[in-house]
Amino acid sequence: MAAPTDLRGRLRARLVQAMKERDTVVVRVCRTALAAIENAEAVPVTVAPAAGAVEGSAVGVGAAEAPRRELGEPEVRAILAGEIVERQGAASGLAASRPDRAEELRHEAEVLQGLLDG
């Protein structure tokens, strides 16, 4: 099986590998990164539903679903870069008080950087 070339595919493949290896830190970082990407794909709600208006609600499977935004590779890379910066900043802030957690955050940033570098 060929390795996935897109970033999201590499994240998913790394998640599966980490789950097989029972590497909880890598599983957590991959799931968090995938969730950040999926959250960025959500479209903003433009109209709030009327309170108590059951008769105006959507009926049927998928009737209330909104199409998701399509993110390109540059946007996904930017999201992952933001996740890396966030972890590095948190690690710096925790270095004195919680060195164990700071090291874990640095490891998470390294995992993401490795995926970003391909």
Protein backbone atom coordinates (compact mmCIF):
# COMPACT_ATOMS: atom_id res chain seq x y z
CA MET A 1 0.00 0.00 0.00
CA ALA A 2 1.44 3.36 -1.01
CA ALA A 3 1.90 6.06 1.60
CA PRO A 4 -0.67 8.88 1.41
CA THR A 5 0.70 12.03 -0.16
CA ASP A 6 -1.70 14.60 1.30
CA LEU A 7 -1.24 15.88 4.83
CA ARG A 8 -4.63 14.74 6.08
CA GLY A 9 -3.94 11.25 4.74
CA ARG A 10 -0.55 11.16 6.44
CA LEU A 11 -2.18 12.25 9.70
CA ARG A 12 -4.75 9.45 9.45
CA ALA A 13 -2.09 6.88 8.56
CA ARG A 14 0.06 8.00 11.50
CA LEU A 15 -2.99 7.78 13.77
CA VAL A 16 -3.63 4.17 12.75
CA GLN A 17 0.04 3.31 13.24
CA ALA A 18 0.10 4.96 16.69
CA MET A 19 -3.06 3.11 17.70
CA LYS A 20 -1.47 -0.21 16.73
CA GLU A 21 1.65 0.75 18.70
CA ARG A 22 -0.48 1.97 21.63
CA ASP A 23 1.35 5.30 21.56
CA THR A 24 -1.18 7.43 23.43
CA VAL A 25 0.69 10.70 22.95
CA VAL A 26 0.82 10.38 19.16
CA VAL A 27 -2.80 9.16 19.05
CA ARG A 28 -3.86 12.24 21.01
CA VAL A 29 -1.90 14.69 18.85
CA CYS A 30 -3.15 13.17 15.59
CA ARG A 31 -6.76 13.21 16.75
CA THR A 32 -6.44 16.79 17.96
CA ALA A 33 -4.89 17.91 14.66
CA LEU A 34 -7.59 16.14 12.62
CA ALA A 35 -10.27 17.74 14.80
CA ALA A 36 -8.72 21.18 14.26
CA ILE A 37 -8.84 20.63 10.50
CA GLU A 38 -12.45 19.44 10.62
CA ASN A 39 -13.45 22.40 12.80
CA ALA A 40 -11.92 24.76 10.25
CA GLU A 41 -14.08 23.13 7.56
CA ALA A 42 -17.30 23.94 9.41
CA VAL A 43 -19.36 26.71 7.87
CA PRO A 44 -20.67 29.48 10.10
CA VAL A 45 -24.36 29.40 10.97
CA THR A 46 -25.98 32.37 9.26
CA VAL A 47 -29.55 32.12 10.52
CA ALA A 48 -30.46 31.10 14.05
CA PRO A 49 -33.51 28.85 14.30
CA ALA A 50 -36.62 30.37 15.81
CA ALA A 51 -37.08 29.26 19.39
CA GLY A 52 -39.80 26.65 19.71
CA ALA A 53 -40.64 26.54 16.02
CA VAL A 54 -40.80 22.79 15.57
CA GLU A 55 -42.97 23.12 12.50
CA GLY A 56 -40.20 25.09 10.78
CA SER A 57 -37.50 22.52 11.44
CA ALA A 58 -35.88 20.41 8.75
CA VAL A 59 -37.30 16.91 8.29
CA GLY A 60 -35.50 13.82 7.03
CA VAL A 61 -32.06 12.33 7.22
CA GLY A 62 -29.44 14.93 6.32
CA ALA A 63 -31.99 17.70 5.77
CA ALA A 64 -30.27 19.98 8.26
CA GLU A 65 -26.75 19.23 7.05
CA ALA A 66 -24.73 22.11 5.66
CA PRO A 67 -22.00 21.60 3.08
CA ARG A 68 -18.54 21.80 4.60
CA ARG A 69 -15.81 24.09 3.33
CA GLU A 70 -13.12 22.48 1.22
CA LEU A 71 -9.68 23.22 2.62
CA GLY A 72 -6.70 23.03 0.32
CA GLU A 73 -3.28 21.78 1.29
CA PRO A 74 -1.99 25.31 2.16
CA GLU A 75 -4.85 25.85 4.64
CA VAL A 76 -4.30 22.43 6.23
CA ARG A 77 -0.58 23.19 6.52
CA ALA A 78 -1.37 26.53 8.18
CA ILE A 79 -3.63 24.81 10.70
CA LEU A 80 -0.93 22.29 11.57
CA ALA A 81 1.67 25.04 11.81
CA GLY A 82 -0.63 26.83 14.26
CA GLU A 83 -0.97 23.64 16.31
CA ILE A 84 2.83 23.37 16.43
CA VAL A 85 3.26 26.99 17.54
CA GLU A 86 0.54 26.54 20.17
CA ARG A 87 2.29 23.49 21.65
CA GLN A 88 5.71 25.14 21.60
CA GLY A 89 4.33 28.21 23.37
CA ALA A 90 2.58 26.12 25.99
CA ALA A 91 5.77 24.10 26.53
CA SER A 92 7.75 27.29 27.10
CA GLY A 93 5.21 28.47 29.65
CA LEU A 94 5.24 25.15 31.51
CA ALA A 95 9.00 24.53 31.41
CA ALA A 96 9.62 25.76 34.96
CA SER A 97 6.49 24.50 36.72
CA ARG A 98 5.68 21.27 34.84
CA PRO A 99 8.76 20.06 32.97
CA ASP A 100 7.18 16.65 32.29
CA ARG A 101 4.17 18.19 30.55
CA ALA A 102 6.42 20.68 28.73
CA GLU A 103 8.47 17.78 27.35
CA GLU A 104 5.29 16.00 26.25
CA LEU A 105 4.12 19.15 24.43
CA ARG A 106 7.50 19.47 22.71
CA HIS A 107 7.22 15.82 21.62
CA GLU A 108 3.73 16.51 20.23
CA ALA A 109 5.10 19.50 18.30
CA GLU A 110 7.90 17.30 16.90
CA VAL A 111 5.37 14.68 15.76
CA LEU A 112 3.33 17.36 13.97
CA GLN A 113 6.47 18.91 12.46
CA GLY A 114 7.50 15.49 11.12
CA LEU A 115 4.11 15.10 9.46
CA LEU A 116 4.27 18.64 8.11
CA ASP A 117 7.72 18.05 6.63
CA GLY A 118 6.46 14.87 4.99
